[in-house]
Amino acid sequence: MESEPEPVRIPITDVFDLHTVPPRDVKAVVEEYLAEAHGMGLRALRIIHGRGIGVQREVVRGVLSRSPLVAAFRDAPPEAGGWGATIVDLRD
């Protein structure tokens, strides 16, 4: 009988790079990241999803648009990843 793999612990900071997260896990991982970051008192985050064809970006922004923890989100400025990253403002 195969058991579930142990969850991977990710350090919670104000920058989260999704390049190491398997695409099938992005939605759940971003939801958990938002909850943890909010619980730690972080209020501004940068989620790096990459440019590619925009699939990860759409998944991330779908989660952000439905989360009650998120006040606003937008493309990162060019020096912080441009449309390959999203800046998130969390609610107090």
N, C-alpha and C. Protein backbone atom coordinates (compact mmCIF):
# COMPACT_ATOMS: atom_id res chain seq x y z
N MET A 1 0.84 -1.19 0.00
CA MET A 1 0.00 0.00 0.00
C MET A 1 0.89 1.25 0.00
N GLU A 2 0.62 2.14 -0.94
CA GLU A 2 1.42 3.34 -1.08
C GLU A 2 0.83 4.44 -0.20
N SER A 3 1.69 5.08 0.59
CA SER A 3 1.21 6.15 1.46
C SER A 3 1.40 7.50 0.77
N GLU A 4 0.68 8.48 1.28
CA GLU A 4 0.79 9.84 0.75
C GLU A 4 2.18 10.38 1.08
N PRO A 5 2.79 11.12 0.15
CA PRO A 5 4.08 11.72 0.46
C PRO A 5 3.93 12.79 1.54
N GLU A 6 4.99 12.98 2.30
CA GLU A 6 4.97 14.02 3.33
C GLU A 6 4.84 15.39 2.66
N PRO A 7 4.08 16.31 3.27
CA PRO A 7 3.98 17.64 2.69
C PRO A 7 5.34 18.32 2.69
N VAL A 8 5.59 19.13 1.68
CA VAL A 8 6.83 19.87 1.59
C VAL A 8 6.64 21.19 2.32
N ARG A 9 7.55 21.50 3.24
CA ARG A 9 7.48 22.76 3.98
C ARG A 9 8.14 23.85 3.15
N ILE A 10 7.43 24.91 2.91
CA ILE A 10 7.94 26.04 2.14
C ILE A 10 8.08 27.22 3.08
N PRO A 11 9.27 27.84 3.12
CA PRO A 11 9.39 29.02 3.97
C PRO A 11 8.45 30.13 3.47
N ILE A 12 7.75 30.74 4.39
CA ILE A 12 6.79 31.79 4.01
C ILE A 12 7.50 33.13 4.10
N THR A 13 7.67 33.76 2.94
CA THR A 13 8.24 35.10 2.86
C THR A 13 7.31 35.92 1.98
N ASP A 14 7.72 37.16 1.69
CA ASP A 14 6.86 38.00 0.85
C ASP A 14 7.05 37.74 -0.64
N VAL A 15 7.93 36.79 -1.00
CA VAL A 15 8.12 36.41 -2.40
C VAL A 15 7.97 34.90 -2.50
N PHE A 16 7.13 34.45 -3.42
CA PHE A 16 6.89 33.03 -3.61
C PHE A 16 7.08 32.69 -5.08
N ASP A 17 8.09 31.86 -5.37
CA ASP A 17 8.39 31.45 -6.74
C ASP A 17 7.74 30.10 -7.00
N LEU A 18 6.79 30.07 -7.93
CA LEU A 18 6.04 28.85 -8.23
C LEU A 18 6.77 27.89 -9.17
N HIS A 19 7.95 28.24 -9.62
CA HIS A 19 8.65 27.38 -10.58
C HIS A 19 8.95 25.98 -10.03
N THR A 20 8.99 25.81 -8.73
CA THR A 20 9.26 24.50 -8.14
C THR A 20 7.99 23.71 -7.82
N VAL A 21 6.83 24.31 -8.04
CA VAL A 21 5.56 23.67 -7.69
C VAL A 21 4.98 22.99 -8.94
N PRO A 22 4.64 21.69 -8.83
CA PRO A 22 4.02 21.02 -9.97
C PRO A 22 2.71 21.73 -10.36
N PRO A 23 2.46 21.89 -11.65
CA PRO A 23 1.25 22.61 -12.10
C PRO A 23 -0.04 22.12 -11.46
N ARG A 24 -0.17 20.83 -11.23
CA ARG A 24 -1.41 20.30 -10.64
C ARG A 24 -1.62 20.76 -9.20
N ASP A 25 -0.55 21.23 -8.54
CA ASP A 25 -0.63 21.64 -7.14
C ASP A 25 -0.72 23.15 -6.94
N VAL A 26 -0.58 23.92 -8.02
CA VAL A 26 -0.49 25.38 -7.89
C VAL A 26 -1.67 25.97 -7.14
N LYS A 27 -2.88 25.62 -7.50
CA LYS A 27 -4.06 26.21 -6.87
C LYS A 27 -4.04 26.00 -5.36
N ALA A 28 -3.88 24.76 -4.92
CA ALA A 28 -3.89 24.45 -3.49
C ALA A 28 -2.72 25.09 -2.76
N VAL A 29 -1.55 25.10 -3.38
CA VAL A 29 -0.37 25.68 -2.74
C VAL A 29 -0.52 27.19 -2.58
N VAL A 30 -1.04 27.86 -3.59
CA VAL A 30 -1.24 29.31 -3.50
C VAL A 30 -2.28 29.64 -2.43
N GLU A 31 -3.35 28.87 -2.36
CA GLU A 31 -4.37 29.10 -1.32
C GLU A 31 -3.74 28.98 0.07
N GLU A 32 -2.94 27.95 0.29
CA GLU A 32 -2.29 27.73 1.58
C GLU A 32 -1.27 28.83 1.87
N TYR A 33 -0.51 29.22 0.85
CA TYR A 33 0.48 30.28 1.00
C TYR A 33 -0.19 31.58 1.44
N LEU A 34 -1.30 31.94 0.80
CA LEU A 34 -2.02 33.17 1.18
C LEU A 34 -2.45 33.12 2.64
N ALA A 35 -2.99 32.00 3.07
CA ALA A 35 -3.45 31.87 4.45
C ALA A 35 -2.28 32.00 5.43
N GLU A 36 -1.18 31.33 5.13
CA GLU A 36 -0.01 31.39 6.01
C GLU A 36 0.59 32.79 6.05
N ALA A 37 0.75 33.42 4.87
CA ALA A 37 1.33 34.76 4.80
C ALA A 37 0.46 35.76 5.56
N HIS A 38 -0.86 35.65 5.38
CA HIS A 38 -1.79 36.54 6.08
C HIS A 38 -1.68 36.32 7.59
N GLY A 39 -1.63 35.06 8.01
CA GLY A 39 -1.52 34.74 9.43
C GLY A 39 -0.24 35.26 10.06
N MET A 40 0.80 35.39 9.25
CA MET A 40 2.08 35.92 9.74
C MET A 40 2.11 37.44 9.75
N GLY A 41 1.05 38.06 9.23
CA GLY A 41 0.99 39.52 9.23
C GLY A 41 1.58 40.17 7.99
N LEU A 42 1.95 39.38 6.98
CA LEU A 42 2.44 39.98 5.74
C LEU A 42 1.28 40.67 5.02
N ARG A 43 1.55 41.79 4.39
CA ARG A 43 0.48 42.53 3.73
C ARG A 43 0.74 42.75 2.25
N ALA A 44 1.98 42.59 1.80
CA ALA A 44 2.31 42.74 0.37
C ALA A 44 3.15 41.55 -0.05
N LEU A 45 2.75 40.89 -1.13
CA LEU A 45 3.43 39.69 -1.61
C LEU A 45 3.74 39.82 -3.08
N ARG A 46 4.74 39.03 -3.53
CA ARG A 46 5.00 38.91 -4.96
C ARG A 46 5.02 37.43 -5.27
N ILE A 47 4.13 37.01 -6.14
CA ILE A 47 4.05 35.61 -6.56
C ILE A 47 4.63 35.53 -7.98
N ILE A 48 5.70 34.75 -8.12
CA ILE A 48 6.37 34.60 -9.42
C ILE A 48 5.81 33.35 -10.08
N HIS A 49 5.11 33.54 -11.20
CA HIS A 49 4.50 32.40 -11.90
C HIS A 49 5.14 32.18 -13.25
N GLY A 50 5.97 33.09 -13.70
CA GLY A 50 6.62 32.97 -15.00
C GLY A 50 5.74 33.52 -16.11
N ARG A 51 6.36 33.69 -17.26
CA ARG A 51 5.63 34.27 -18.40
C ARG A 51 4.97 33.18 -19.21
N GLY A 52 5.72 32.30 -19.80
CA GLY A 52 5.15 31.19 -20.57
C GLY A 52 3.96 31.61 -21.43
N ILE A 53 2.94 30.77 -21.45
CA ILE A 53 1.74 31.08 -22.24
C ILE A 53 0.61 31.61 -21.36
N GLY A 54 0.89 31.81 -20.07
CA GLY A 54 -0.07 32.44 -19.18
C GLY A 54 -0.97 31.52 -18.39
N VAL A 55 -0.76 30.22 -18.47
CA VAL A 55 -1.64 29.29 -17.75
C VAL A 55 -1.48 29.44 -16.24
N GLN A 56 -0.24 29.42 -15.75
CA GLN A 56 -0.01 29.56 -14.30
C GLN A 56 -0.55 30.91 -13.81
N ARG A 57 -0.32 31.96 -14.59
CA ARG A 57 -0.78 33.29 -14.22
C ARG A 57 -2.30 33.29 -14.02
N GLU A 58 -3.02 32.64 -14.93
CA GLU A 58 -4.47 32.59 -14.83
C GLU A 58 -4.93 31.78 -13.61
N VAL A 59 -4.24 30.69 -13.31
CA VAL A 59 -4.58 29.90 -12.13
C VAL A 59 -4.36 30.73 -10.87
N VAL A 60 -3.20 31.39 -10.79
CA VAL A 60 -2.89 32.22 -9.63
C VAL A 60 -3.93 33.33 -9.48
N ARG A 61 -4.23 34.01 -10.55
CA ARG A 61 -5.17 35.13 -10.47
C ARG A 61 -6.60 34.67 -10.19
N GLY A 62 -6.94 33.48 -10.60
CA GLY A 62 -8.24 32.92 -10.25
C GLY A 62 -8.35 32.72 -8.75
N VAL A 63 -7.28 32.18 -8.14
CA VAL A 63 -7.26 32.00 -6.68
C VAL A 63 -7.34 33.36 -5.99
N LEU A 64 -6.54 34.31 -6.46
CA LEU A 64 -6.52 35.64 -5.84
C LEU A 64 -7.88 36.33 -5.92
N SER A 65 -8.55 36.20 -7.06
CA SER A 65 -9.83 36.89 -7.23
C SER A 65 -10.93 36.32 -6.33
N ARG A 66 -10.78 35.06 -5.92
CA ARG A 66 -11.79 34.43 -5.05
C ARG A 66 -11.44 34.49 -3.56
N SER A 67 -10.22 34.87 -3.23
CA SER A 67 -9.79 34.83 -1.83
C SER A 67 -10.27 36.04 -1.04
N PRO A 68 -10.91 35.81 0.11
CA PRO A 68 -11.32 36.93 0.95
C PRO A 68 -10.13 37.62 1.63
N LEU A 69 -8.94 37.01 1.56
CA LEU A 69 -7.73 37.59 2.16
C LEU A 69 -7.10 38.66 1.28
N VAL A 70 -7.46 38.69 0.00
CA VAL A 70 -6.81 39.56 -0.97
C VAL A 70 -7.60 40.84 -1.18
N ALA A 71 -6.91 41.98 -0.98
CA ALA A 71 -7.53 43.29 -1.23
C ALA A 71 -7.40 43.68 -2.69
N ALA A 72 -6.23 43.40 -3.30
CA ALA A 72 -5.99 43.78 -4.70
C ALA A 72 -4.78 43.01 -5.22
N PHE A 73 -4.68 42.94 -6.56
CA PHE A 73 -3.48 42.35 -7.18
C PHE A 73 -3.27 42.97 -8.54
N ARG A 74 -2.02 42.93 -9.02
CA ARG A 74 -1.66 43.56 -10.29
C ARG A 74 -0.35 42.98 -10.79
N ASP A 75 -0.03 43.25 -12.06
CA ASP A 75 1.27 42.86 -12.60
C ASP A 75 2.37 43.51 -11.79
N ALA A 76 3.47 42.79 -11.63
CA ALA A 76 4.64 43.37 -10.98
C ALA A 76 5.26 44.41 -11.91
N PRO A 77 5.98 45.39 -11.34
CA PRO A 77 6.69 46.34 -12.21
C PRO A 77 7.77 45.59 -13.01
N PRO A 78 8.22 46.15 -14.12
CA PRO A 78 9.19 45.45 -14.97
C PRO A 78 10.42 44.94 -14.22
N GLU A 79 10.94 45.72 -13.28
CA GLU A 79 12.15 45.31 -12.55
C GLU A 79 11.89 44.18 -11.56
N ALA A 80 10.62 43.85 -11.32
CA ALA A 80 10.27 42.78 -10.38
C ALA A 80 9.57 41.62 -11.08
N GLY A 81 9.73 41.52 -12.40
CA GLY A 81 9.17 40.38 -13.11
C GLY A 81 8.10 40.71 -14.14
N GLY A 82 7.60 41.96 -14.14
CA GLY A 82 6.58 42.33 -15.11
C GLY A 82 5.40 41.37 -15.07
N TRP A 83 4.91 40.97 -16.23
CA TRP A 83 3.74 40.09 -16.25
C TRP A 83 4.08 38.64 -15.91
N GLY A 84 5.34 38.37 -15.55
CA GLY A 84 5.72 37.04 -15.06
C GLY A 84 5.57 36.90 -13.56
N ALA A 85 5.09 37.98 -12.92
CA ALA A 85 4.87 37.96 -11.47
C ALA A 85 3.66 38.83 -11.15
N THR A 86 3.03 38.54 -10.02
CA THR A 86 1.86 39.28 -9.59
C THR A 86 2.11 39.83 -8.19
N ILE A 87 1.85 41.12 -8.02
CA ILE A 87 1.92 41.77 -6.71
C ILE A 87 0.55 41.63 -6.06
N VAL A 88 0.54 41.22 -4.79
CA VAL A 88 -0.71 40.98 -4.06
C VAL A 88 -0.73 41.84 -2.82
N ASP A 89 -1.83 42.55 -2.60
CA ASP A 89 -2.06 43.28 -1.36
C ASP A 89 -3.06 42.48 -0.54
N LEU A 90 -2.64 42.10 0.66
CA LEU A 90 -3.54 41.36 1.55
C LEU A 90 -4.31 42.30 2.45
N ARG A 91 -5.48 41.87 2.87
CA ARG A 91 -6.30 42.66 3.80
C ARG A 91 -5.69 42.59 5.21
N ASP A 92 -6.01 43.60 6.01
CA ASP A 92 -5.55 43.62 7.41
C ASP A 92 -6.30 42.58 8.22
